[in-house]
Every structure is written in C-alpha cells, then in structure tokens.
Amino acid sequence: MDLKQLLNSITPDIYLRLKLGVEIGKWPDGNSLTREQKELCMQAIIAYEQALPEDQRTGYVPPKKTPCAPDTNELQPLSWKN
C-alpha cells in the first residue's frame, strides 16, 4: 500500500483517535506513543486535514474583522491603574 492509499483509508474516527493520541501522548488502550509514532501521527493528521475546509483544520484562527491597534506608527505610553 502506498502513502496515498494509506491516507485515503483514514476514516474520521481514525483521524480523531490519531489527534487524541498526539494531544495526550497515549493510545486509547493507555500505551504511550513513541516520538516516532507522534511524528507519523502528526504527518497523517496534517495530510488528512488538507481535504477539510480551512476553518476545520487544527490551528485555524479566523481573520479579524477589525485591527487590534490604531493604524498609526506612533508609540503610545502604557497607563497603569491600581
């Protein structure tokens, strides 16, 4: 089985299990993931998510509607209040 076939065989359930395994560092049966297993799982997660809409991918941050700071280059002093 080549890599493309392997990635196509990942179901949503397998994807969620891989993601949880990476998050907690353990398989569902309680065994710890090795470093190599974590790396391979992350690669599979990233490859699987390429087929998902951008807003459903891990780490997605929606664009801001308004900027955080005023649109000036002037530095503004901080005001400390107790």
PDB file of N, CA and C in Angstrom:
ATOM      1  N   MET A   1       0.857  -1.178   0.000  1.00  0.00           N
ATOM      2  CA  MET A   1       0.000   0.000   0.000  1.00  0.00           C
ATOM      3  C   MET A   1       0.901   1.240   0.000  1.00  0.00           C
ATOM      4  N   ASP A   2       0.638   2.154  -0.913  1.00  0.00           N
ATOM      5  CA  ASP A   2       1.443   3.373  -0.947  1.00  0.00           C
ATOM      6  C   ASP A   2       0.837   4.429  -0.019  1.00  0.00           C
ATOM      7  N   LEU A   3       1.536   5.534   0.135  1.00  0.00           N
ATOM      8  CA  LEU A   3       1.137   6.582   1.070  1.00  0.00           C
ATOM      9  C   LEU A   3      -0.223   7.160   0.726  1.00  0.00           C
ATOM     10  N   LYS A   4      -0.483   7.379  -0.542  1.00  0.00           N
ATOM     11  CA  LYS A   4      -1.767   7.963  -0.950  1.00  0.00           C
ATOM     12  C   LYS A   4      -2.929   7.044  -0.588  1.00  0.00           C
ATOM     13  N   GLN A   5      -2.769   5.758  -0.813  1.00  0.00           N
ATOM     14  CA  GLN A   5      -3.812   4.797  -0.456  1.00  0.00           C
ATOM     15  C   GLN A   5      -4.010   4.753   1.057  1.00  0.00           C
ATOM     16  N   LEU A   6      -2.912   4.819   1.791  1.00  0.00           N
ATOM     17  CA  LEU A   6      -2.985   4.809   3.242  1.00  0.00           C
ATOM     18  C   LEU A   6      -3.758   6.018   3.757  1.00  0.00           C
ATOM     19  N   LEU A   7      -3.428   7.198   3.229  1.00  0.00           N
ATOM     20  CA  LEU A   7      -4.118   8.411   3.655  1.00  0.00           C
ATOM     21  C   LEU A   7      -5.594   8.391   3.272  1.00  0.00           C
ATOM     22  N   ASN A   8      -5.921   7.806   2.124  1.00  0.00           N
ATOM     23  CA  ASN A   8      -7.320   7.694   1.706  1.00  0.00           C
ATOM     24  C   ASN A   8      -8.106   6.719   2.572  1.00  0.00           C
ATOM     25  N   SER A   9      -7.403   5.825   3.265  1.00  0.00           N
ATOM     26  CA  SER A   9      -8.089   4.840   4.108  1.00  0.00           C
ATOM     27  C   SER A   9      -8.358   5.377   5.524  1.00  0.00           C
ATOM     28  N   ILE A  10      -7.882   6.579   5.834  1.00  0.00           N
ATOM     29  CA  ILE A  10      -8.125   7.152   7.164  1.00  0.00           C
ATOM     30  C   ILE A  10      -9.569   7.619   7.237  1.00  0.00           C
ATOM     31  N   THR A  11     -10.294   7.071   8.197  1.00  0.00           N
ATOM     32  CA  THR A  11     -11.686   7.460   8.409  1.00  0.00           C
ATOM     33  C   THR A  11     -11.735   8.606   9.422  1.00  0.00           C
ATOM     34  N   PRO A  12     -12.870   9.301   9.525  1.00  0.00           N
ATOM     35  CA  PRO A  12     -12.983  10.347  10.550  1.00  0.00           C
ATOM     36  C   PRO A  12     -12.715   9.823  11.969  1.00  0.00           C
ATOM     37  N   ASP A  13     -13.130   8.580  12.249  1.00  0.00           N
ATOM     38  CA  ASP A  13     -12.884   8.001  13.573  1.00  0.00           C
ATOM     39  C   ASP A  13     -11.381   7.801  13.811  1.00  0.00           C
ATOM     40  N   ILE A  14     -10.686   7.280  12.823  1.00  0.00           N
ATOM     41  CA  ILE A  14      -9.236   7.081  12.950  1.00  0.00           C
ATOM     42  C   ILE A  14      -8.548   8.428  13.110  1.00  0.00           C
ATOM     43  N   TYR A  15      -8.963   9.412  12.322  1.00  0.00           N
ATOM     44  CA  TYR A  15      -8.404  10.762  12.420  1.00  0.00           C
ATOM     45  C   TYR A  15      -8.543  11.301  13.849  1.00  0.00           C
ATOM     46  N   LEU A  16      -9.729  11.155  14.449  1.00  0.00           N
ATOM     47  CA  LEU A  16      -9.945  11.654  15.814  1.00  0.00           C
ATOM     48  C   LEU A  16      -9.088  10.898  16.828  1.00  0.00           C
ATOM     49  N   ARG A  17      -8.910   9.602  16.612  1.00  0.00           N
ATOM     50  CA  ARG A  17      -8.060   8.815  17.519  1.00  0.00           C
ATOM     51  C   ARG A  17      -6.592   9.228  17.401  1.00  0.00           C
ATOM     52  N   LEU A  18      -6.138   9.469  16.177  1.00  0.00           N
ATOM     53  CA  LEU A  18      -4.758   9.936  15.986  1.00  0.00           C
ATOM     54  C   LEU A  18      -4.563  11.291  16.663  1.00  0.00           C
ATOM     55  N   LYS A  19      -5.530  12.163  16.478  1.00  0.00           N
ATOM     56  CA  LYS A  19      -5.454  13.509  17.047  1.00  0.00           C
ATOM     57  C   LYS A  19      -5.435  13.450  18.577  1.00  0.00           C
ATOM     58  N   LEU A  20      -6.300  12.637  19.164  1.00  0.00           N
ATOM     59  CA  LEU A  20      -6.326  12.487  20.615  1.00  0.00           C
ATOM     60  C   LEU A  20      -5.024  11.874  21.117  1.00  0.00           C
ATOM     61  N   GLY A  21      -4.516  10.898  20.391  1.00  0.00           N
ATOM     62  CA  GLY A  21      -3.254  10.271  20.779  1.00  0.00           C
ATOM     63  C   GLY A  21      -2.113  11.273  20.839  1.00  0.00           C
ATOM     64  N   VAL A  22      -2.047  12.154  19.853  1.00  0.00           N
ATOM     65  CA  VAL A  22      -1.000  13.174  19.843  1.00  0.00           C
ATOM     66  C   VAL A  22      -1.224  14.169  20.983  1.00  0.00           C
ATOM     67  N   GLU A  23      -2.486  14.539  21.221  1.00  0.00           N
ATOM     68  CA  GLU A  23      -2.796  15.511  22.270  1.00  0.00           C
ATOM     69  C   GLU A  23      -2.405  15.015  23.657  1.00  0.00           C
ATOM     70  N   ILE A  24      -2.742  13.762  23.972  1.00  0.00           N
ATOM     71  CA  ILE A  24      -2.477  13.253  25.323  1.00  0.00           C
ATOM     72  C   ILE A  24      -1.233  12.377  25.408  1.00  0.00           C
ATOM     73  N   GLY A  25      -0.655  12.020  24.248  1.00  0.00           N
ATOM     74  CA  GLY A  25       0.559  11.222  24.239  1.00  0.00           C
ATOM     75  C   GLY A  25       0.338   9.746  24.493  1.00  0.00           C
ATOM     76  N   LYS A  26      -0.921   9.300  24.365  1.00  0.00           N
ATOM     77  CA  LYS A  26      -1.245   7.891  24.609  1.00  0.00           C
ATOM     78  C   LYS A  26      -2.241   7.396  23.578  1.00  0.00           C
ATOM     79  N   TRP A  27      -2.182   6.091  23.328  1.00  0.00           N
ATOM     80  CA  TRP A  27      -3.185   5.432  22.508  1.00  0.00           C
ATOM     81  C   TRP A  27      -4.432   5.209  23.356  1.00  0.00           C
ATOM     82  N   PRO A  28      -5.581   4.907  22.733  1.00  0.00           N
ATOM     83  CA  PRO A  28      -6.794   4.659  23.513  1.00  0.00           C
ATOM     84  C   PRO A  28      -6.654   3.531  24.541  1.00  0.00           C
ATOM     85  N   ASP A  29      -5.721   2.584  24.305  1.00  0.00           N
ATOM     86  CA  ASP A  29      -5.537   1.485  25.270  1.00  0.00           C
ATOM     87  C   ASP A  29      -4.612   1.871  26.427  1.00  0.00           C
ATOM     88  N   GLY A  30      -4.093   3.105  26.432  1.00  0.00           N
ATOM     89  CA  GLY A  30      -3.256   3.577  27.531  1.00  0.00           C
ATOM     90  C   GLY A  30      -1.763   3.526  27.272  1.00  0.00           C
ATOM     91  N   ASN A  31      -1.326   2.848  26.210  1.00  0.00           N
ATOM     92  CA  ASN A  31       0.105   2.785  25.890  1.00  0.00           C
ATOM     93  C   ASN A  31       0.583   4.139  25.375  1.00  0.00           C
ATOM     94  N   SER A  32       1.769   4.528  25.804  1.00  0.00           N
ATOM     95  CA  SER A  32       2.337   5.802  25.372  1.00  0.00           C
ATOM     96  C   SER A  32       2.811   5.732  23.931  1.00  0.00           C
ATOM     97  N   LEU A  33       2.679   6.862  23.229  1.00  0.00           N
ATOM     98  CA  LEU A  33       3.211   6.960  21.869  1.00  0.00           C
ATOM     99  C   LEU A  33       4.706   7.224  21.946  1.00  0.00           C
ATOM    100  N   THR A  34       5.447   6.601  21.059  1.00  0.00           N
ATOM    101  CA  THR A  34       6.871   6.908  20.956  1.00  0.00           C
ATOM    102  C   THR A  34       7.018   8.219  20.191  1.00  0.00           C
ATOM    103  N   ARG A  35       8.196   8.773  20.213  1.00  0.00           N
ATOM    104  CA  ARG A  35       8.441  10.012  19.473  1.00  0.00           C
ATOM    105  C   ARG A  35       8.156   9.807  17.980  1.00  0.00           C
ATOM    106  N   GLU A  36       8.610   8.683  17.450  1.00  0.00           N
ATOM    107  CA  GLU A  36       8.389   8.399  16.032  1.00  0.00           C
ATOM    108  C   GLU A  36       6.894   8.264  15.722  1.00  0.00           C
ATOM    109  N   GLN A  37       6.140   7.620  16.614  1.00  0.00           N
ATOM    110  CA  GLN A  37       4.705   7.477  16.412  1.00  0.00           C
ATOM    111  C   GLN A  37       4.009   8.840  16.418  1.00  0.00           C
ATOM    112  N   LYS A  38       4.426   9.722  17.335  1.00  0.00           N
ATOM    113  CA  LYS A  38       3.839  11.070  17.381  1.00  0.00           C
ATOM    114  C   LYS A  38       4.102  11.805  16.074  1.00  0.00           C
ATOM    115  N   GLU A  39       5.328  11.719  15.573  1.00  0.00           N
ATOM    116  CA  GLU A  39       5.682  12.393  14.323  1.00  0.00           C
ATOM    117  C   GLU A  39       4.855  11.856  13.158  1.00  0.00           C
ATOM    118  N   LEU A  40       4.721  10.534  13.077  1.00  0.00           N
ATOM    119  CA  LEU A  40       3.950   9.933  11.995  1.00  0.00           C
ATOM    120  C   LEU A  40       2.470  10.282  12.103  1.00  0.00           C
ATOM    121  N   CYS A  41       1.947  10.292  13.327  1.00  0.00           N
ATOM    122  CA  CYS A  41       0.545  10.661  13.540  1.00  0.00           C
ATOM    123  C   CYS A  41       0.303  12.107  13.129  1.00  0.00           C
ATOM    124  N   MET A  42       1.222  12.999  13.496  1.00  0.00           N
ATOM    125  CA  MET A  42       1.067  14.407  13.118  1.00  0.00           C
ATOM    126  C   MET A  42       1.103  14.566  11.602  1.00  0.00           C
ATOM    127  N   GLN A  43       1.968  13.830  10.937  1.00  0.00           N
ATOM    128  CA  GLN A  43       2.026  13.894   9.479  1.00  0.00           C
ATOM    129  C   GLN A  43       0.713  13.406   8.866  1.00  0.00           C
ATOM    130  N   ALA A  44       0.153  12.332   9.410  1.00  0.00           N
ATOM    131  CA  ALA A  44      -1.110  11.798   8.904  1.00  0.00           C
ATOM    132  C   ALA A  44      -2.248  12.781   9.158  1.00  0.00           C
ATOM    133  N   ILE A  45      -2.252  13.427  10.324  1.00  0.00           N
ATOM    134  CA  ILE A  45      -3.280  14.415  10.657  1.00  0.00           C
ATOM    135  C   ILE A  45      -3.220  15.584   9.681  1.00  0.00           C
ATOM    136  N   ILE A  46      -2.028  16.098   9.447  1.00  0.00           N
ATOM    137  CA  ILE A  46      -1.856  17.228   8.530  1.00  0.00           C
ATOM    138  C   ILE A  46      -2.304  16.845   7.123  1.00  0.00           C
ATOM    139  N   ALA A  47      -1.911  15.669   6.664  1.00  0.00           N
ATOM    140  CA  ALA A  47      -2.297  15.218   5.325  1.00  0.00           C
ATOM    141  C   ALA A  47      -3.810  15.038   5.225  1.00  0.00           C
ATOM    142  N   TYR A  48      -4.428  14.467   6.252  1.00  0.00           N
ATOM    143  CA  TYR A  48      -5.881  14.261   6.264  1.00  0.00           C
ATOM    144  C   TYR A  48      -6.603  15.605   6.230  1.00  0.00           C
ATOM    145  N   GLU A  49      -6.102  16.572   6.984  1.00  0.00           N
ATOM    146  CA  GLU A  49      -6.774  17.865   7.085  1.00  0.00           C
ATOM    147  C   GLU A  49      -6.692  18.688   5.806  1.00  0.00           C
ATOM    148  N   GLN A  50      -5.816  18.332   4.885  1.00  0.00           N
ATOM    149  CA  GLN A  50      -5.736  19.059   3.620  1.00  0.00           C
ATOM    150  C   GLN A  50      -7.034  18.946   2.835  1.00  0.00           C
ATOM    151  N   ALA A  51      -7.791  17.879   3.059  1.00  0.00           N
ATOM    152  CA  ALA A  51      -9.065  17.684   2.370  1.00  0.00           C
ATOM    153  C   ALA A  51     -10.219  18.387   3.085  1.00  0.00           C
ATOM    154  N   LEU A  52      -9.991  18.853   4.315  1.00  0.00           N
ATOM    155  CA  LEU A  52     -11.031  19.538   5.083  1.00  0.00           C
ATOM    156  C   LEU A  52     -11.069  21.016   4.723  1.00  0.00           C
ATOM    157  N   PRO A  53     -12.219  21.676   4.937  1.00  0.00           N
ATOM    158  CA  PRO A  53     -12.257  23.124   4.764  1.00  0.00           C
ATOM    159  C   PRO A  53     -11.264  23.785   5.729  1.00  0.00           C
ATOM    160  N   GLU A  54     -10.717  24.904   5.312  1.00  0.00           N
ATOM    161  CA  GLU A  54      -9.668  25.561   6.089  1.00  0.00           C
ATOM    162  C   GLU A  54     -10.081  25.832   7.540  1.00  0.00           C
ATOM    163  N   ASP A  55     -11.338  26.209   7.751  1.00  0.00           N
ATOM    164  CA  ASP A  55     -11.775  26.563   9.101  1.00  0.00           C
ATOM    165  C   ASP A  55     -11.974  25.351  10.013  1.00  0.00           C
ATOM    166  N   GLN A  56     -11.820  24.145   9.487  1.00  0.00           N
ATOM    167  CA  GLN A  56     -11.936  22.931  10.305  1.00  0.00           C
ATOM    168  C   GLN A  56     -10.584  22.292  10.595  1.00  0.00           C
ATOM    169  N   ARG A  57      -9.514  22.923  10.152  1.00  0.00           N
ATOM    170  CA  ARG A  57      -8.181  22.363  10.356  1.00  0.00           C
ATOM    171  C   ARG A  57      -7.625  22.762  11.717  1.00  0.00           C
ATOM    172  N   THR A  58      -6.745  21.923  12.240  1.00  0.00           N
ATOM    173  CA  THR A  58      -6.086  22.197  13.506  1.00  0.00           C
ATOM    174  C   THR A  58      -5.306  23.502  13.408  1.00  0.00           C
ATOM    175  N   GLY A  59      -5.476  24.352  14.412  1.00  0.00           N
ATOM    176  CA  GLY A  59      -4.721  25.600  14.472  1.00  0.00           C
ATOM    177  C   GLY A  59      -5.329  26.751  13.700  1.00  0.00           C
ATOM    178  N   TYR A  60      -6.496  26.555  13.095  1.00  0.00           N
ATOM    179  CA  TYR A  60      -7.110  27.628  12.309  1.00  0.00           C
ATOM    180  C   TYR A  60      -7.507  28.784  13.231  1.00  0.00           C
ATOM    181  N   VAL A  61      -7.150  29.984  12.815  1.00  0.00           N
ATOM    182  CA  VAL A  61      -7.542  31.195  13.517  1.00  0.00           C
ATOM    183  C   VAL A  61      -8.264  32.071  12.501  1.00  0.00           C
ATOM    184  N   PRO A  62      -9.537  32.386  12.752  1.00  0.00           N
ATOM    185  CA  PRO A  62     -10.262  33.194  11.773  1.00  0.00           C
ATOM    186  C   PRO A  62      -9.671  34.598  11.663  1.00  0.00           C
ATOM    187  N   PRO A  63      -9.749  35.194  10.484  1.00  0.00           N
ATOM    188  CA  PRO A  63      -9.211  36.544  10.321  1.00  0.00           C
ATOM    189  C   PRO A  63     -10.014  37.539  11.152  1.00  0.00           C
ATOM    190  N   LYS A  64      -9.337  38.561  11.623  1.00  0.00           N
ATOM    191  CA  LYS A  64     -10.001  39.584  12.419  1.00  0.00           C
ATOM    192  C   LYS A  64     -10.776  40.521  11.500  1.00  0.00           C
ATOM    193  N   LYS A  65     -11.876  41.005  12.009  1.00  0.00           N
ATOM    194  CA  LYS A  65     -12.692  41.937  11.240  1.00  0.00           C
ATOM    195  C   LYS A  65     -12.175  43.359  11.391  1.00  0.00           C
ATOM    196  N   THR A  66     -11.587  43.656  12.553  1.00  0.00           N
ATOM    197  CA  THR A  66     -11.014  44.977  12.791  1.00  0.00           C
ATOM    198  C   THR A  66      -9.627  44.792  13.381  1.00  0.00           C
ATOM    199  N   PRO A  67      -8.730  45.739  13.135  1.00  0.00           N
ATOM    200  CA  PRO A  67      -7.377  45.613  13.696  1.00  0.00           C
ATOM    201  C   PRO A  67      -7.391  45.815  15.210  1.00  0.00           C
ATOM    202  N   CYS A  68      -6.378  45.296  15.866  1.00  0.00           N
ATOM    203  CA  CYS A  68      -6.266  45.413  17.317  1.00  0.00           C
ATOM    204  C   CYS A  68      -5.795  46.798  17.751  1.00  0.00           C
ATOM    205  N   ALA A  69      -4.944  47.387  16.974  1.00  0.00           N
ATOM    206  CA  ALA A  69      -4.337  48.664  17.361  1.00  0.00           C
ATOM    207  C   ALA A  69      -4.704  49.733  16.337  1.00  0.00           C
ATOM    208  N   PRO A  70      -4.615  50.981  16.758  1.00  0.00           N
ATOM    209  CA  PRO A  70      -4.865  52.047  15.787  1.00  0.00           C
ATOM    210  C   PRO A  70      -3.850  51.981  14.655  1.00  0.00           C
ATOM    211  N   ASP A  71      -4.224  52.493  13.527  1.00  0.00           N
ATOM    212  CA  ASP A  71      -3.375  52.421  12.338  1.00  0.00           C
ATOM    213  C   ASP A  71      -2.391  53.591  12.299  1.00  0.00           C
ATOM    214  N   THR A  72      -1.575  53.685  13.347  1.00  0.00           N
ATOM    215  CA  THR A  72      -0.557  54.737  13.395  1.00  0.00           C
ATOM    216  C   THR A  72       0.769  54.101  13.752  1.00  0.00           C
ATOM    217  N   ASN A  73       1.827  54.793  13.459  1.00  0.00           N
ATOM    218  CA  ASN A  73       3.166  54.311  13.794  1.00  0.00           C
ATOM    219  C   ASN A  73       3.672  54.934  15.086  1.00  0.00           C
ATOM    220  N   GLU A  74       2.864  55.765  15.707  1.00  0.00           N
ATOM    221  CA  GLU A  74       3.280  56.422  16.944  1.00  0.00           C
ATOM    222  C   GLU A  74       3.158  55.456  18.121  1.00  0.00           C
ATOM    223  N   LEU A  75       4.155  55.478  18.990  1.00  0.00           N
ATOM    224  CA  LEU A  75       4.097  54.678  20.203  1.00  0.00           C
ATOM    225  C   LEU A  75       3.228  55.390  21.212  1.00  0.00           C
ATOM    226  N   GLN A  76       2.426  54.640  21.922  1.00  0.00           N
ATOM    227  CA  GLN A  76       1.569  55.229  22.947  1.00  0.00           C
ATOM    228  C   GLN A  76       1.998  54.681  24.296  1.00  0.00           C
ATOM    229  N   PRO A  77       2.129  55.573  25.297  1.00  0.00           N
ATOM    230  CA  PRO A  77       2.563  55.105  26.616  1.00  0.00           C
ATOM    231  C   PRO A  77       1.486  54.230  27.274  1.00  0.00           C
ATOM    232  N   LEU A  78       1.979  53.313  28.098  1.00  0.00           N
ATOM    233  CA  LEU A  78       1.073  52.484  28.858  1.00  0.00           C
ATOM    234  C   LEU A  78       0.544  53.262  30.055  1.00  0.00           C
ATOM    235  N   SER A  79      -0.673  53.010  30.432  1.00  0.00           N
ATOM    236  CA  SER A  79      -1.271  53.665  31.576  1.00  0.00           C
ATOM    237  C   SER A  79      -1.570  52.603  32.625  1.00  0.00           C
ATOM    238  N   TRP A  80      -0.835  52.603  33.731  1.00  0.00           N
ATOM    239  CA  TRP A  80      -1.033  51.619  34.794  1.00  0.00           C
ATOM    240  C   TRP A  80      -2.013  52.152  35.813  1.00  0.00           C
ATOM    241  N   LYS A  81      -3.017  51.376  36.131  1.00  0.00           N
ATOM    242  CA  LYS A  81      -4.008  51.783  37.126  1.00  0.00           C
ATOM    243  C   LYS A  81      -4.042  50.721  38.230  1.00  0.00           C
ATOM    244  N   ASN A  82      -4.109  51.188  39.446  1.00  0.00           N
ATOM    245  CA  ASN A  82      -4.195  50.252  40.580  1.00  0.00           C
ATOM    246  C   ASN A  82      -5.603  50.143  41.067  1.00  0.00           C
TER     247      ASN A  82
END
